[in-house]
Amino acid sequence: MHELAIAQGIIRIVDEQAREKGFQRVQEIRLKMGEFSGLVPACLREFFPVAAAGTAAEGAALVIETLPARFRCLDCGYEGPVDRSGACCPDCRSPAIRMLSGREFYVDSLKVE
């Protein structure tokens, strides 16, 4: 249920930008979400209208782009995706991998009137 709190955070960002930039209504909110962000897009979409009610974002389309995770192998230097079930480097099979990206979550852009 933390998606409701996340939706409320998005609305705070929108409200701040509306005050700063002087727009009245948001048509579209584009989000970037790493595949390992821990958020469920369907839940975020479900809670967003509740959080947006009575704000400049009420009725706005929520567009979510999922960003793939990227890893680096600390043994062979490979960079890219890894098989979730194996959690090891696809090139050398080493378990010594570090996540480079995939946990991010941010508002990428707003389409406003």
C-alpha atoms as a PDB file:
ATOM      1  CA  MET A   1       0.000   0.000   0.000  1.00  0.00           C
ATOM      2  CA  HIS A   2       3.032   2.306  -0.119  1.00  0.00           C
ATOM      3  CA  GLU A   3       1.962   3.138  -3.683  1.00  0.00           C
ATOM      4  CA  LEU A   4      -0.599   5.573  -2.192  1.00  0.00           C
ATOM      5  CA  ALA A   5       2.203   7.424  -0.397  1.00  0.00           C
ATOM      6  CA  ILE A   6       4.219   7.430  -3.627  1.00  0.00           C
ATOM      7  CA  ALA A   7       1.209   8.832  -5.528  1.00  0.00           C
ATOM      8  CA  GLN A   8       0.873  11.553  -2.892  1.00  0.00           C
ATOM      9  CA  GLY A   9       4.563  12.352  -3.341  1.00  0.00           C
ATOM     10  CA  ILE A  10       4.043  12.713  -7.080  1.00  0.00           C
ATOM     11  CA  ILE A  11       1.195  15.140  -6.394  1.00  0.00           C
ATOM     12  CA  ARG A  12       3.471  17.196  -4.091  1.00  0.00           C
ATOM     13  CA  ILE A  13       5.972  17.459  -6.949  1.00  0.00           C
ATOM     14  CA  VAL A  14       3.215  18.504  -9.365  1.00  0.00           C
ATOM     15  CA  ASP A  15       1.841  21.092  -6.918  1.00  0.00           C
ATOM     16  CA  GLU A  16       5.320  22.510  -6.359  1.00  0.00           C
ATOM     17  CA  GLN A  17       5.919  22.793 -10.093  1.00  0.00           C
ATOM     18  CA  ALA A  18       2.457  24.350 -10.640  1.00  0.00           C
ATOM     19  CA  ARG A  19       3.250  27.075  -8.092  1.00  0.00           C
ATOM     20  CA  GLU A  20       6.731  27.615  -9.517  1.00  0.00           C
ATOM     21  CA  LYS A  21       5.815  27.562 -13.219  1.00  0.00           C
ATOM     22  CA  GLY A  22       2.275  28.927 -12.990  1.00  0.00           C
ATOM     23  CA  PHE A  23       0.299  26.222 -14.809  1.00  0.00           C
ATOM     24  CA  GLN A  24      -3.239  25.247 -13.843  1.00  0.00           C
ATOM     25  CA  ARG A  25      -3.700  21.731 -15.135  1.00  0.00           C
ATOM     26  CA  VAL A  26      -1.582  18.680 -15.870  1.00  0.00           C
ATOM     27  CA  GLN A  27      -2.553  16.546 -18.842  1.00  0.00           C
ATOM     28  CA  GLU A  28       0.100  13.862 -18.501  1.00  0.00           C
ATOM     29  CA  ILE A  29       2.689  12.723 -15.977  1.00  0.00           C
ATOM     30  CA  ARG A  30       5.549  10.562 -17.251  1.00  0.00           C
ATOM     31  CA  LEU A  31       7.317   8.387 -14.702  1.00  0.00           C
ATOM     32  CA  LYS A  32      10.461   6.302 -15.001  1.00  0.00           C
ATOM     33  CA  MET A  33      10.491   3.206 -12.810  1.00  0.00           C
ATOM     34  CA  GLY A  34      13.342   0.709 -12.483  1.00  0.00           C
ATOM     35  CA  GLU A  35      12.294  -2.929 -12.646  1.00  0.00           C
ATOM     36  CA  PHE A  36      13.701  -3.435  -9.131  1.00  0.00           C
ATOM     37  CA  SER A  37      12.138  -0.268  -7.666  1.00  0.00           C
ATOM     38  CA  GLY A  38       9.767  -2.342  -5.556  1.00  0.00           C
ATOM     39  CA  LEU A  39       6.731  -0.515  -6.930  1.00  0.00           C
ATOM     40  CA  VAL A  40       3.790  -2.145  -8.665  1.00  0.00           C
ATOM     41  CA  PRO A  41       2.677  -0.022 -11.637  1.00  0.00           C
ATOM     42  CA  ALA A  42      -0.914  -1.342 -11.503  1.00  0.00           C
ATOM     43  CA  CYS A  43      -1.222  -0.341  -7.829  1.00  0.00           C
ATOM     44  CA  LEU A  44       0.252   3.089  -8.516  1.00  0.00           C
ATOM     45  CA  ARG A  45      -2.275   3.593 -11.322  1.00  0.00           C
ATOM     46  CA  GLU A  46      -5.062   2.513  -8.978  1.00  0.00           C
ATOM     47  CA  PHE A  47      -4.112   4.932  -6.178  1.00  0.00           C
ATOM     48  CA  PHE A  48      -3.116   7.878  -8.367  1.00  0.00           C
ATOM     49  CA  PRO A  49      -6.688   9.185  -8.973  1.00  0.00           C
ATOM     50  CA  VAL A  50      -7.319   9.181  -5.206  1.00  0.00           C
ATOM     51  CA  ALA A  51      -4.181  11.257  -4.573  1.00  0.00           C
ATOM     52  CA  ALA A  52      -4.841  13.564  -7.540  1.00  0.00           C
ATOM     53  CA  ALA A  53      -8.466  14.410  -6.658  1.00  0.00           C
ATOM     54  CA  GLY A  54      -8.908  18.172  -6.332  1.00  0.00           C
ATOM     55  CA  THR A  55      -5.387  18.998  -7.589  1.00  0.00           C
ATOM     56  CA  ALA A  56      -3.923  20.245 -10.869  1.00  0.00           C
ATOM     57  CA  ALA A  57      -3.209  16.573 -11.667  1.00  0.00           C
ATOM     58  CA  GLU A  58      -6.827  15.417 -11.412  1.00  0.00           C
ATOM     59  CA  GLY A  59      -7.663  13.538 -14.605  1.00  0.00           C
ATOM     60  CA  ALA A  60      -4.047  13.488 -15.804  1.00  0.00           C
ATOM     61  CA  ALA A  61      -2.796  10.467 -17.700  1.00  0.00           C
ATOM     62  CA  LEU A  62      -0.121   8.520 -15.852  1.00  0.00           C
ATOM     63  CA  VAL A  63       2.485   7.079 -18.236  1.00  0.00           C
ATOM     64  CA  ILE A  64       4.942   4.671 -16.625  1.00  0.00           C
ATOM     65  CA  GLU A  65       8.084   3.516 -18.407  1.00  0.00           C
ATOM     66  CA  THR A  66       9.847   0.568 -16.807  1.00  0.00           C
ATOM     67  CA  LEU A  67      13.629   0.798 -16.961  1.00  0.00           C
ATOM     68  CA  PRO A  68      15.536  -2.483 -17.171  1.00  0.00           C
ATOM     69  CA  ALA A  69      18.101  -3.313 -14.525  1.00  0.00           C
ATOM     70  CA  ARG A  70      21.780  -3.289 -15.469  1.00  0.00           C
ATOM     71  CA  PHE A  71      24.534  -5.055 -13.604  1.00  0.00           C
ATOM     72  CA  ARG A  72      28.339  -5.140 -13.646  1.00  0.00           C
ATOM     73  CA  CYS A  73      30.318  -8.295 -13.054  1.00  0.00           C
ATOM     74  CA  LEU A  74      33.140  -7.572 -10.640  1.00  0.00           C
ATOM     75  CA  ASP A  75      35.158 -10.480 -12.041  1.00  0.00           C
ATOM     76  CA  CYS A  76      34.999 -10.123 -15.846  1.00  0.00           C
ATOM     77  CA  GLY A  77      33.628  -6.589 -16.324  1.00  0.00           C
ATOM     78  CA  TYR A  78      30.408  -7.575 -18.129  1.00  0.00           C
ATOM     79  CA  GLU A  79      27.719  -4.878 -18.030  1.00  0.00           C
ATOM     80  CA  GLY A  80      24.080  -5.551 -18.842  1.00  0.00           C
ATOM     81  CA  PRO A  81      21.098  -7.597 -17.732  1.00  0.00           C
ATOM     82  CA  VAL A  82      21.365 -10.807 -15.746  1.00  0.00           C
ATOM     83  CA  ASP A  83      19.058 -13.757 -15.405  1.00  0.00           C
ATOM     84  CA  ARG A  84      16.947 -13.187 -12.293  1.00  0.00           C
ATOM     85  CA  SER A  85      16.790 -16.879 -11.433  1.00  0.00           C
ATOM     86  CA  GLY A  86      20.555 -17.374 -11.549  1.00  0.00           C
ATOM     87  CA  ALA A  87      21.664 -13.980 -10.192  1.00  0.00           C
ATOM     88  CA  CYS A  88      25.067 -14.376 -11.755  1.00  0.00           C
ATOM     89  CA  CYS A  89      27.054 -13.019 -14.678  1.00  0.00           C
ATOM     90  CA  PRO A  90      25.781 -14.436 -17.987  1.00  0.00           C
ATOM     91  CA  ASP A  91      29.334 -14.408 -19.406  1.00  0.00           C
ATOM     92  CA  CYS A  92      31.519 -15.952 -16.689  1.00  0.00           C
ATOM     93  CA  ARG A  93      28.791 -17.234 -14.277  1.00  0.00           C
ATOM     94  CA  SER A  94      30.343 -15.347 -11.347  1.00  0.00           C
ATOM     95  CA  PRO A  95      27.942 -14.392  -8.534  1.00  0.00           C
ATOM     96  CA  ALA A  96      30.046 -11.236  -7.927  1.00  0.00           C
ATOM     97  CA  ILE A  97      27.676  -8.766  -9.594  1.00  0.00           C
ATOM     98  CA  ARG A  98      26.696  -5.226  -8.632  1.00  0.00           C
ATOM     99  CA  MET A  99      23.499  -3.460  -9.705  1.00  0.00           C
ATOM    100  CA  LEU A 100      24.206  -0.291 -11.709  1.00  0.00           C
ATOM    101  CA  SER A 101      20.605   0.703 -12.333  1.00  0.00           C
ATOM    102  CA  GLY A 102      17.111  -0.656 -11.878  1.00  0.00           C
ATOM    103  CA  ARG A 103      15.973   0.792  -8.549  1.00  0.00           C
ATOM    104  CA  GLU A 104      15.277   4.329  -9.746  1.00  0.00           C
ATOM    105  CA  PHE A 105      11.886   6.003  -9.655  1.00  0.00           C
ATOM    106  CA  TYR A 106      11.266   9.587 -10.716  1.00  0.00           C
ATOM    107  CA  VAL A 107       8.925  12.011 -12.446  1.00  0.00           C
ATOM    108  CA  ASP A 108      10.445  12.389 -15.905  1.00  0.00           C
ATOM    109  CA  SER A 109       8.149  15.047 -17.344  1.00  0.00           C
ATOM    110  CA  LEU A 110       4.812  16.829 -17.086  1.00  0.00           C
ATOM    111  CA  LYS A 111       2.572  17.844 -19.963  1.00  0.00           C
ATOM    112  CA  VAL A 112       0.664  20.911 -18.779  1.00  0.00           C
ATOM    113  CA  GLU A 113      -1.808  23.557 -19.949  1.00  0.00           C
END
